[in-house]
Amino acid sequence: MGSGQSTPAPSPPAANMGADLKTSSDAPAKPKPCCVCLDEKAKRDECMLFSTSNNAQEECVDLVTKYKTCMAGYGFKI
């Protein structure tokens, strides 16, 4: 009874299976903004959040500038 059944043949591999994969010779992917300039961001945030002055923006302007410069180095405009 069951010996007459055949199993389906495995399908052949697709010819373009790796066509969508990028190779290492492609241009490197742009990093996410959340993953760069972490030290600059932490120092900027700490200054802005825990500033004891009445004008935290003025007090932390150098740290904000350093963060913006760092982000611009990765191609982000903020």
PDB file of N, CA and C in Angstrom:
ATOM      1  N   MET A   1       0.796  -1.187   0.000  1.00  0.00           N
ATOM      2  CA  MET A   1       0.000   0.000   0.000  1.00  0.00           C
ATOM      3  C   MET A   1       0.847   1.262   0.000  1.00  0.00           C
ATOM      4  N   GLY A   2       1.660   1.427   1.016  1.00  0.00           N
ATOM      5  CA  GLY A   2       2.455   2.629   1.137  1.00  0.00           C
ATOM      6  C   GLY A   2       3.709   2.593   0.303  1.00  0.00           C
ATOM      7  N   SER A   3       4.073   1.400  -0.231  1.00  0.00           N
ATOM      8  CA  SER A   3       5.322   1.328  -0.976  1.00  0.00           C
ATOM      9  C   SER A   3       5.211   1.942  -2.355  1.00  0.00           C
ATOM     10  N   GLY A   4       4.015   2.183  -2.831  1.00  0.00           N
ATOM     11  CA  GLY A   4       3.821   2.751  -4.151  1.00  0.00           C
ATOM     12  C   GLY A   4       3.906   4.275  -4.160  1.00  0.00           C
ATOM     13  N   GLN A   5       3.982   4.871  -2.981  1.00  0.00           N
ATOM     14  CA  GLN A   5       4.040   6.324  -2.923  1.00  0.00           C
ATOM     15  C   GLN A   5       5.466   6.794  -3.180  1.00  0.00           C
ATOM     16  N   SER A   6       5.585   7.901  -3.852  1.00  0.00           N
ATOM     17  CA  SER A   6       6.918   8.454  -4.098  1.00  0.00           C
ATOM     18  C   SER A   6       7.058   9.769  -3.347  1.00  0.00           C
ATOM     19  N   THR A   7       8.254  10.078  -3.002  1.00  0.00           N
ATOM     20  CA  THR A   7       8.503  11.345  -2.319  1.00  0.00           C
ATOM     21  C   THR A   7       8.824  12.394  -3.371  1.00  0.00           C
ATOM     22  N   PRO A   8       8.394  13.603  -3.147  1.00  0.00           N
ATOM     23  CA  PRO A   8       8.676  14.650  -4.131  1.00  0.00           C
ATOM     24  C   PRO A   8      10.175  14.931  -4.190  1.00  0.00           C
ATOM     25  N   ALA A   9      10.655  15.168  -5.379  1.00  0.00           N
ATOM     26  CA  ALA A   9      12.075  15.473  -5.566  1.00  0.00           C
ATOM     27  C   ALA A   9      12.358  16.868  -5.017  1.00  0.00           C
ATOM     28  N   PRO A  10      13.508  17.047  -4.391  1.00  0.00           N
ATOM     29  CA  PRO A  10      13.838  18.384  -3.882  1.00  0.00           C
ATOM     30  C   PRO A  10      13.995  19.353  -5.047  1.00  0.00           C
ATOM     31  N   SER A  11      13.539  20.568  -4.831  1.00  0.00           N
ATOM     32  CA  SER A  11      13.623  21.553  -5.909  1.00  0.00           C
ATOM     33  C   SER A  11      15.073  21.997  -6.085  1.00  0.00           C
ATOM     34  N   PRO A  12      15.484  22.266  -7.311  1.00  0.00           N
ATOM     35  CA  PRO A  12      16.864  22.691  -7.553  1.00  0.00           C
ATOM     36  C   PRO A  12      17.093  24.081  -6.973  1.00  0.00           C
ATOM     37  N   PRO A  13      18.325  24.391  -6.590  1.00  0.00           N
ATOM     38  CA  PRO A  13      18.600  25.718  -6.021  1.00  0.00           C
ATOM     39  C   PRO A  13      18.368  26.802  -7.067  1.00  0.00           C
ATOM     40  N   ALA A  14      17.900  27.922  -6.610  1.00  0.00           N
ATOM     41  CA  ALA A  14      17.631  29.030  -7.520  1.00  0.00           C
ATOM     42  C   ALA A  14      18.947  29.587  -8.046  1.00  0.00           C
ATOM     43  N   ALA A  15      18.959  29.949  -9.301  1.00  0.00           N
ATOM     44  CA  ALA A  15      20.180  30.443  -9.934  1.00  0.00           C
ATOM     45  C   ALA A  15      20.593  31.802  -9.382  1.00  0.00           C
ATOM     46  N   ASN A  16      19.631  32.616  -8.991  1.00  0.00           N
ATOM     47  CA  ASN A  16      19.955  33.957  -8.503  1.00  0.00           C
ATOM     48  C   ASN A  16      19.814  34.056  -6.991  1.00  0.00           C
ATOM     49  N   MET A  17      20.080  33.000  -6.301  1.00  0.00           N
ATOM     50  CA  MET A  17      19.867  32.943  -4.858  1.00  0.00           C
ATOM     51  C   MET A  17      20.625  34.046  -4.117  1.00  0.00           C
ATOM     52  N   GLY A  18      21.845  34.350  -4.508  1.00  0.00           N
ATOM     53  CA  GLY A  18      22.633  35.366  -3.815  1.00  0.00           C
ATOM     54  C   GLY A  18      22.653  36.693  -4.535  1.00  0.00           C
ATOM     55  N   ALA A  19      21.773  36.910  -5.485  1.00  0.00           N
ATOM     56  CA  ALA A  19      21.795  38.136  -6.275  1.00  0.00           C
ATOM     57  C   ALA A  19      21.502  39.373  -5.437  1.00  0.00           C
ATOM     58  N   ASP A  20      20.673  39.239  -4.415  1.00  0.00           N
ATOM     59  CA  ASP A  20      20.314  40.396  -3.611  1.00  0.00           C
ATOM     60  C   ASP A  20      21.308  40.673  -2.490  1.00  0.00           C
ATOM     61  N   LEU A  21      22.232  39.785  -2.261  1.00  0.00           N
ATOM     62  CA  LEU A  21      23.202  39.979  -1.196  1.00  0.00           C
ATOM     63  C   LEU A  21      24.255  40.982  -1.629  1.00  0.00           C
ATOM     64  N   LYS A  22      24.640  41.859  -0.717  1.00  0.00           N
ATOM     65  CA  LYS A  22      25.665  42.844  -1.034  1.00  0.00           C
ATOM     66  C   LYS A  22      27.024  42.270  -0.671  1.00  0.00           C
ATOM     67  N   THR A  23      27.994  42.611  -1.449  1.00  0.00           N
ATOM     68  CA  THR A  23      29.347  42.143  -1.176  1.00  0.00           C
ATOM     69  C   THR A  23      30.114  43.210  -0.417  1.00  0.00           C
ATOM     70  N   SER A  24      31.258  42.830   0.098  1.00  0.00           N
ATOM     71  CA  SER A  24      32.057  43.772   0.870  1.00  0.00           C
ATOM     72  C   SER A  24      32.670  44.847  -0.011  1.00  0.00           C
ATOM     73  N   SER A  25      32.641  44.681  -1.327  1.00  0.00           N
ATOM     74  CA  SER A  25      33.198  45.688  -2.216  1.00  0.00           C
ATOM     75  C   SER A  25      32.258  46.876  -2.388  1.00  0.00           C
ATOM     76  N   ASP A  26      30.998  46.732  -1.985  1.00  0.00           N
ATOM     77  CA  ASP A  26      30.061  47.848  -2.062  1.00  0.00           C
ATOM     78  C   ASP A  26      30.458  48.911  -1.048  1.00  0.00           C
ATOM     79  N   ALA A  27      29.937  50.103  -1.219  1.00  0.00           N
ATOM     80  CA  ALA A  27      30.206  51.181  -0.275  1.00  0.00           C
ATOM     81  C   ALA A  27      29.689  50.779   1.102  1.00  0.00           C
ATOM     82  N   PRO A  28      30.416  51.131   2.157  1.00  0.00           N
ATOM     83  CA  PRO A  28      29.964  50.749   3.496  1.00  0.00           C
ATOM     84  C   PRO A  28      28.637  51.426   3.833  1.00  0.00           C
ATOM     85  N   ALA A  29      27.812  50.708   4.557  1.00  0.00           N
ATOM     86  CA  ALA A  29      26.500  51.226   4.929  1.00  0.00           C
ATOM     87  C   ALA A  29      26.669  52.368   5.924  1.00  0.00           C
ATOM     88  N   LYS A  30      25.814  53.358   5.809  1.00  0.00           N
ATOM     89  CA  LYS A  30      25.855  54.501   6.715  1.00  0.00           C
ATOM     90  C   LYS A  30      25.375  54.044   8.089  1.00  0.00           C
ATOM     91  N   PRO A  31      26.125  54.373   9.147  1.00  0.00           N
ATOM     92  CA  PRO A  31      25.694  53.942  10.482  1.00  0.00           C
ATOM     93  C   PRO A  31      24.434  54.682  10.917  1.00  0.00           C
ATOM     94  N   LYS A  32      23.755  54.114  11.864  1.00  0.00           N
ATOM     95  CA  LYS A  32      22.551  54.747  12.402  1.00  0.00           C
ATOM     96  C   LYS A  32      22.972  55.874  13.344  1.00  0.00           C
ATOM     97  N   PRO A  33      22.198  56.954  13.402  1.00  0.00           N
ATOM     98  CA  PRO A  33      22.568  58.079  14.262  1.00  0.00           C
ATOM     99  C   PRO A  33      22.628  57.714  15.743  1.00  0.00           C
ATOM    100  N   CYS A  34      21.905  56.691  16.140  1.00  0.00           N
ATOM    101  CA  CYS A  34      21.914  56.296  17.549  1.00  0.00           C
ATOM    102  C   CYS A  34      23.203  55.583  17.941  1.00  0.00           C
ATOM    103  N   CYS A  35      23.981  55.169  16.950  1.00  0.00           N
ATOM    104  CA  CYS A  35      25.149  54.326  17.221  1.00  0.00           C
ATOM    105  C   CYS A  35      26.478  55.057  17.100  1.00  0.00           C
ATOM    106  N   VAL A  36      26.472  56.340  16.821  1.00  0.00           N
ATOM    107  CA  VAL A  36      27.713  57.095  16.676  1.00  0.00           C
ATOM    108  C   VAL A  36      27.746  58.245  17.674  1.00  0.00           C
ATOM    109  N   CYS A  37      28.926  58.723  17.962  1.00  0.00           N
ATOM    110  CA  CYS A  37      29.139  59.886  18.840  1.00  0.00           C
ATOM    111  C   CYS A  37      28.520  59.680  20.225  1.00  0.00           C
ATOM    112  N   LEU A  38      28.655  58.492  20.757  1.00  0.00           N
ATOM    113  CA  LEU A  38      28.009  58.172  22.036  1.00  0.00           C
ATOM    114  C   LEU A  38      28.581  58.981  23.194  1.00  0.00           C
ATOM    115  N   ASP A  39      29.906  59.160  23.229  1.00  0.00           N
ATOM    116  CA  ASP A  39      30.505  59.930  24.322  1.00  0.00           C
ATOM    117  C   ASP A  39      30.074  61.393  24.266  1.00  0.00           C
ATOM    118  N   GLU A  40      30.108  61.971  23.072  1.00  0.00           N
ATOM    119  CA  GLU A  40      29.712  63.367  22.912  1.00  0.00           C
ATOM    120  C   GLU A  40      28.243  63.565  23.283  1.00  0.00           C
ATOM    121  N   LYS A  41      27.421  62.610  22.884  1.00  0.00           N
ATOM    122  CA  LYS A  41      25.992  62.696  23.188  1.00  0.00           C
ATOM    123  C   LYS A  41      25.751  62.604  24.693  1.00  0.00           C
ATOM    124  N   ALA A  42      26.450  61.686  25.355  1.00  0.00           N
ATOM    125  CA  ALA A  42      26.273  61.509  26.800  1.00  0.00           C
ATOM    126  C   ALA A  42      26.697  62.762  27.562  1.00  0.00           C
ATOM    127  N   LYS A  43      27.822  63.342  27.169  1.00  0.00           N
ATOM    128  CA  LYS A  43      28.299  64.559  27.842  1.00  0.00           C
ATOM    129  C   LYS A  43      27.351  65.728  27.596  1.00  0.00           C
ATOM    130  N   ARG A  44      26.858  65.846  26.364  1.00  0.00           N
ATOM    131  CA  ARG A  44      25.900  66.904  26.033  1.00  0.00           C
ATOM    132  C   ARG A  44      24.625  66.749  26.851  1.00  0.00           C
ATOM    133  N   ASP A  45      24.093  65.533  26.884  1.00  0.00           N
ATOM    134  CA  ASP A  45      22.851  65.282  27.617  1.00  0.00           C
ATOM    135  C   ASP A  45      23.019  65.529  29.110  1.00  0.00           C
ATOM    136  N   GLU A  46      24.138  65.079  29.651  1.00  0.00           N
ATOM    137  CA  GLU A  46      24.383  65.283  31.083  1.00  0.00           C
ATOM    138  C   GLU A  46      24.447  66.766  31.407  1.00  0.00           C
ATOM    139  N   CYS A  47      25.126  67.530  30.578  1.00  0.00           N
ATOM    140  CA  CYS A  47      25.227  68.966  30.807  1.00  0.00           C
ATOM    141  C   CYS A  47      23.855  69.632  30.725  1.00  0.00           C
ATOM    142  N   MET A  48      23.089  69.283  29.705  1.00  0.00           N
ATOM    143  CA  MET A  48      21.779  69.915  29.521  1.00  0.00           C
ATOM    144  C   MET A  48      20.790  69.524  30.623  1.00  0.00           C
ATOM    145  N   LEU A  49      20.827  68.279  31.041  1.00  0.00           N
ATOM    146  CA  LEU A  49      19.848  67.803  32.024  1.00  0.00           C
ATOM    147  C   LEU A  49      20.180  68.197  33.458  1.00  0.00           C
ATOM    148  N   PHE A  50      21.465  68.239  33.758  1.00  0.00           N
ATOM    149  CA  PHE A  50      21.856  68.458  35.148  1.00  0.00           C
ATOM    150  C   PHE A  50      22.524  69.806  35.377  1.00  0.00           C
ATOM    151  N   SER A  51      22.352  70.720  34.460  1.00  0.00           N
ATOM    152  CA  SER A  51      22.929  72.051  34.605  1.00  0.00           C
ATOM    153  C   SER A  51      22.245  72.786  35.750  1.00  0.00           C
ATOM    154  N   THR A  52      23.039  73.510  36.524  1.00  0.00           N
ATOM    155  CA  THR A  52      22.480  74.282  37.637  1.00  0.00           C
ATOM    156  C   THR A  52      22.292  75.749  37.264  1.00  0.00           C
ATOM    157  N   SER A  53      22.680  76.108  36.050  1.00  0.00           N
ATOM    158  CA  SER A  53      22.530  77.503  35.635  1.00  0.00           C
ATOM    159  C   SER A  53      21.111  77.747  35.123  1.00  0.00           C
ATOM    160  N   ASN A  54      20.785  79.011  34.966  1.00  0.00           N
ATOM    161  CA  ASN A  54      19.470  79.385  34.448  1.00  0.00           C
ATOM    162  C   ASN A  54      19.393  79.214  32.933  1.00  0.00           C
ATOM    163  N   ASN A  55      20.546  79.139  32.277  1.00  0.00           N
ATOM    164  CA  ASN A  55      20.577  79.017  30.824  1.00  0.00           C
ATOM    165  C   ASN A  55      21.494  77.860  30.434  1.00  0.00           C
ATOM    166  N   ALA A  56      20.950  76.662  30.451  1.00  0.00           N
ATOM    167  CA  ALA A  56      21.742  75.464  30.156  1.00  0.00           C
ATOM    168  C   ALA A  56      22.234  75.464  28.715  1.00  0.00           C
ATOM    169  N   GLN A  57      21.463  76.032  27.798  1.00  0.00           N
ATOM    170  CA  GLN A  57      21.891  76.063  26.399  1.00  0.00           C
ATOM    171  C   GLN A  57      23.185  76.848  26.235  1.00  0.00           C
ATOM    172  N   GLU A  58      23.290  77.955  26.941  1.00  0.00           N
ATOM    173  CA  GLU A  58      24.503  78.772  26.855  1.00  0.00           C
ATOM    174  C   GLU A  58      25.673  78.079  27.549  1.00  0.00           C
ATOM    175  N   GLU A  59      25.407  77.453  28.665  1.00  0.00           N
ATOM    176  CA  GLU A  59      26.458  76.771  29.423  1.00  0.00           C
ATOM    177  C   GLU A  59      27.017  75.567  28.659  1.00  0.00           C
ATOM    178  N   CYS A  60      26.186  74.888  27.912  1.00  0.00           N
ATOM    179  CA  CYS A  60      26.577  73.641  27.249  1.00  0.00           C
ATOM    180  C   CYS A  60      26.853  73.809  25.759  1.00  0.00           C
ATOM    181  N   VAL A  61      26.974  75.037  25.289  1.00  0.00           N
ATOM    182  CA  VAL A  61      27.120  75.281  23.856  1.00  0.00           C
ATOM    183  C   VAL A  61      28.350  74.578  23.276  1.00  0.00           C
ATOM    184  N   ASP A  62      29.447  74.489  24.017  1.00  0.00           N
ATOM    185  CA  ASP A  62      30.643  73.827  23.483  1.00  0.00           C
ATOM    186  C   ASP A  62      30.421  72.325  23.307  1.00  0.00           C
ATOM    187  N   LEU A  63      29.695  71.702  24.228  1.00  0.00           N
ATOM    188  CA  LEU A  63      29.406  70.271  24.110  1.00  0.00           C
ATOM    189  C   LEU A  63      28.417  69.990  22.981  1.00  0.00           C
ATOM    190  N   VAL A  64      27.469  70.888  22.793  1.00  0.00           N
ATOM    191  CA  VAL A  64      26.509  70.743  21.698  1.00  0.00           C
ATOM    192  C   VAL A  64      27.240  70.874  20.364  1.00  0.00           C
ATOM    193  N   THR A  65      28.173  71.818  20.286  1.00  0.00           N
ATOM    194  CA  THR A  65      28.949  72.013  19.061  1.00  0.00           C
ATOM    195  C   THR A  65      29.810  70.793  18.761  1.00  0.00           C
ATOM    196  N   LYS A  66      30.438  70.224  19.776  1.00  0.00           N
ATOM    197  CA  LYS A  66      31.253  69.018  19.581  1.00  0.00           C
ATOM    198  C   LYS A  66      30.388  67.861  19.074  1.00  0.00           C
ATOM    199  N   TYR A  67      29.188  67.730  19.614  1.00  0.00           N
ATOM    200  CA  TYR A  67      28.279  66.665  19.181  1.00  0.00           C
ATOM    201  C   TYR A  67      27.863  66.872  17.727  1.00  0.00           C
ATOM    202  N   LYS A  68      27.514  68.108  17.370  1.00  0.00           N
ATOM    203  CA  LYS A  68      27.114  68.404  15.994  1.00  0.00           C
ATOM    204  C   LYS A  68      28.259  68.143  15.024  1.00  0.00           C
ATOM    205  N   THR A  69      29.479  68.509  15.412  1.00  0.00           N
ATOM    206  CA  THR A  69      30.649  68.279  14.568  1.00  0.00           C
ATOM    207  C   THR A  69      30.888  66.789  14.379  1.00  0.00           C
ATOM    208  N   CYS A  70      30.758  66.034  15.441  1.00  0.00           N
ATOM    209  CA  CYS A  70      30.934  64.582  15.367  1.00  0.00           C
ATOM    210  C   CYS A  70      29.888  63.971  14.440  1.00  0.00           C
ATOM    211  N   MET A  71      28.644  64.358  14.589  1.00  0.00           N
ATOM    212  CA  MET A  71      27.572  63.817  13.750  1.00  0.00           C
ATOM    213  C   MET A  71      27.786  64.194  12.283  1.00  0.00           C
ATOM    214  N   ALA A  72      28.251  65.410  12.037  1.00  0.00           N
ATOM    215  CA  ALA A  72      28.517  65.841  10.666  1.00  0.00           C
ATOM    216  C   ALA A  72      29.614  64.991  10.036  1.00  0.00           C
ATOM    217  N   GLY A  73      30.553  64.522  10.849  1.00  0.00           N
ATOM    218  CA  GLY A  73      31.610  63.655  10.352  1.00  0.00           C
ATOM    219  C   GLY A  73      31.079  62.332   9.817  1.00  0.00           C
ATOM    220  N   TYR A  74      29.912  61.928  10.270  1.00  0.00           N
ATOM    221  CA  TYR A  74      29.266  60.702   9.792  1.00  0.00           C
ATOM    222  C   TYR A  74      28.207  60.995   8.726  1.00  0.00           C
ATOM    223  N   GLY A  75      28.073  62.267   8.349  1.00  0.00           N
ATOM    224  CA  GLY A  75      27.130  62.627   7.296  1.00  0.00           C
ATOM    225  C   GLY A  75      25.757  63.044   7.783  1.00  0.00           C
ATOM    226  N   PHE A  76      25.591  63.233   9.087  1.00  0.00           N
ATOM    227  CA  PHE A  76      24.296  63.652   9.627  1.00  0.00           C
ATOM    228  C   PHE A  76      24.297  65.158   9.828  1.00  0.00           C
ATOM    229  N   LYS A  77      23.212  65.792   9.437  1.00  0.00           N
ATOM    230  CA  LYS A  77      23.075  67.236   9.613  1.00  0.00           C
ATOM    231  C   LYS A  77      21.993  67.478  10.647  1.00  0.00           C
ATOM    232  N   ILE A  78      22.388  68.037  11.775  1.00  0.00           N
ATOM    233  CA  ILE A  78      21.408  68.319  12.830  1.00  0.00           C
ATOM    234  C   ILE A  78      21.465  69.777  13.212  1.00  0.00           C
TER     235      ILE A  78
END
